[in-house]
Amino acid sequence: MRHRRTVDKIGMVRSRRRSVLANLAASLILNERVDTTFTRAKASQRFSERLITLARRGDLHARRIAFSRMRDKAAVTKLFDEIGPRFKDRNGGYTRVIKLGPRRGDGAEMARLMLVESGD
């Protein structure tokens, strides 16, 4: 049973999971949408929304926390300069996950993770 367990392990050890989520979040911020498996999209959605909430604060400490989580200078810059101010008046729900159907190779359920106000 998984009572009170909040981490979705997505079949990886912690270090790999953190790298995958950080790379997905950086791709989401730079491209404003990313296609991945449904499970990874849901895990990355949680990670990315926390980063956007940090960007809404906009102070130096929040920027350093975001950089320590993501390790991509271009993504952190775009996050704090463009995306944070864009969602300043929104209280959560910055991203959405849309199911795309099964992947042709192995049948894995695919999904598109995108920012809400990106226009697509």
Protein backbone atom coordinates (compact mmCIF):
# COMPACT_ATOMS: atom_id res chain seq x y z
CA MET A 1 0.00 0.00 0.00
CA ARG A 2 1.16 3.52 -0.70
CA HIS A 3 -0.43 5.39 2.17
CA ARG A 4 0.89 8.96 2.39
CA ARG A 5 3.52 8.36 -0.29
CA THR A 6 3.77 11.47 -2.46
CA VAL A 7 6.68 10.66 -4.80
CA ASP A 8 5.82 9.04 -8.13
CA LYS A 9 8.89 6.89 -8.70
CA ILE A 10 8.19 6.27 -12.42
CA GLY A 11 10.44 3.21 -12.41
CA MET A 12 13.72 5.02 -11.75
CA VAL A 13 16.22 5.56 -8.98
CA ARG A 14 16.19 9.02 -7.42
CA SER A 15 19.15 10.53 -9.28
CA ARG A 16 17.87 9.50 -12.72
CA ARG A 17 14.32 10.57 -11.87
CA ARG A 18 15.54 14.03 -10.84
CA SER A 19 17.52 14.37 -14.08
CA VAL A 20 14.58 13.29 -16.24
CA LEU A 21 12.16 15.65 -14.49
CA ALA A 22 14.63 18.54 -14.67
CA ASN A 23 15.24 17.98 -18.39
CA LEU A 24 11.51 17.70 -19.11
CA ALA A 25 10.85 20.90 -17.16
CA ALA A 26 13.63 22.73 -19.03
CA SER A 27 12.23 21.56 -22.37
CA LEU A 28 8.74 22.63 -21.33
CA ILE A 29 9.97 26.09 -20.37
CA LEU A 30 12.06 26.61 -23.50
CA ASN A 31 9.55 25.14 -26.01
CA GLU A 32 6.32 25.71 -24.04
CA ARG A 33 5.22 22.14 -24.80
CA VAL A 34 6.75 18.67 -24.73
CA ASP A 35 5.54 15.21 -25.81
CA THR A 36 6.36 12.32 -23.47
CA THR A 37 4.69 9.34 -21.83
CA PHE A 38 1.63 10.04 -19.73
CA THR A 39 3.27 8.99 -16.45
CA ARG A 40 6.31 11.18 -17.03
CA ALA A 41 4.07 14.06 -18.07
CA LYS A 42 2.10 13.88 -14.82
CA ALA A 43 5.27 13.70 -12.72
CA SER A 44 6.85 16.55 -14.68
CA GLN A 45 3.68 18.62 -14.37
CA ARG A 46 4.02 18.67 -10.60
CA PHE A 47 7.74 19.51 -10.80
CA SER A 48 7.20 22.28 -13.38
CA GLU A 49 4.31 23.91 -11.55
CA ARG A 50 6.46 24.26 -8.45
CA LEU A 51 9.17 25.94 -10.53
CA ILE A 52 6.65 28.36 -12.04
CA THR A 53 5.41 29.21 -8.56
CA LEU A 54 9.01 30.03 -7.62
CA ALA A 55 9.29 32.20 -10.74
CA ARG A 56 6.20 34.14 -9.70
CA ARG A 57 8.09 35.22 -6.57
CA GLY A 58 10.91 36.49 -8.74
CA ASP A 59 13.52 37.14 -6.05
CA LEU A 60 17.14 36.02 -6.08
CA HIS A 61 16.61 33.21 -3.58
CA ALA A 62 13.83 31.72 -5.70
CA ARG A 63 16.04 31.96 -8.79
CA ARG A 64 18.85 30.10 -7.01
CA ILE A 65 16.45 27.37 -5.85
CA ALA A 66 15.13 26.96 -9.40
CA PHE A 67 18.66 26.75 -10.79
CA SER A 68 19.61 24.11 -8.22
CA ARG A 69 16.64 22.01 -9.32
CA MET A 70 16.96 22.48 -13.08
CA ARG A 71 20.64 23.26 -13.88
CA ASP A 72 19.84 24.99 -17.19
CA LYS A 73 20.73 28.67 -17.23
CA ALA A 74 18.73 29.52 -20.37
CA ALA A 75 15.62 27.81 -19.00
CA VAL A 76 15.88 29.56 -15.63
CA THR A 77 16.34 32.92 -17.36
CA LYS A 78 13.26 32.41 -19.53
CA LEU A 79 11.32 31.08 -16.55
CA PHE A 80 11.94 34.18 -14.46
CA ASP A 81 11.89 36.81 -17.24
CA GLU A 82 8.92 35.62 -19.33
CA ILE A 83 6.90 32.81 -17.77
CA GLY A 84 6.84 34.03 -14.16
CA PRO A 85 5.39 37.45 -15.01
CA ARG A 86 2.94 35.88 -17.46
CA PHE A 87 1.37 33.78 -14.68
CA LYS A 88 1.59 36.48 -11.99
CA ASP A 89 -2.20 36.71 -11.58
CA ARG A 90 -2.91 32.97 -11.84
CA ASN A 91 -3.13 30.85 -8.69
CA GLY A 92 -1.83 27.50 -9.90
CA GLY A 93 -2.81 25.33 -12.84
CA TYR A 94 -0.10 26.65 -15.15
CA THR A 95 0.19 23.47 -17.24
CA ARG A 96 -2.12 20.94 -18.83
CA VAL A 97 -1.67 17.34 -19.94
CA ILE A 98 -3.45 16.16 -23.09
CA LYS A 99 -3.46 12.46 -23.98
CA LEU A 100 -2.21 11.69 -27.49
CA GLY A 101 -2.89 7.94 -27.70
CA PRO A 102 -0.53 4.97 -27.70
CA ARG A 103 3.00 5.11 -29.06
CA ARG A 104 3.50 3.00 -32.16
CA GLY A 105 6.62 1.15 -31.02
CA ASP A 106 5.63 -0.20 -27.61
CA GLY A 107 2.07 0.99 -27.02
CA ALA A 108 2.96 3.36 -24.19
CA GLU A 109 0.32 6.03 -23.54
CA MET A 110 1.66 9.33 -24.86
CA ALA A 111 0.73 12.80 -23.66
CA ARG A 112 1.53 16.43 -24.41
CA LEU A 113 2.52 18.63 -21.47
CA MET A 114 2.02 22.30 -22.28
CA LEU A 115 1.71 25.68 -20.65
CA VAL A 116 -1.88 26.83 -20.35
CA GLU A 117 -1.57 30.23 -22.02
CA SER A 118 0.77 29.21 -24.84
CA GLY A 119 -1.94 29.42 -27.49
CA ASP A 120 -1.79 25.81 -28.80
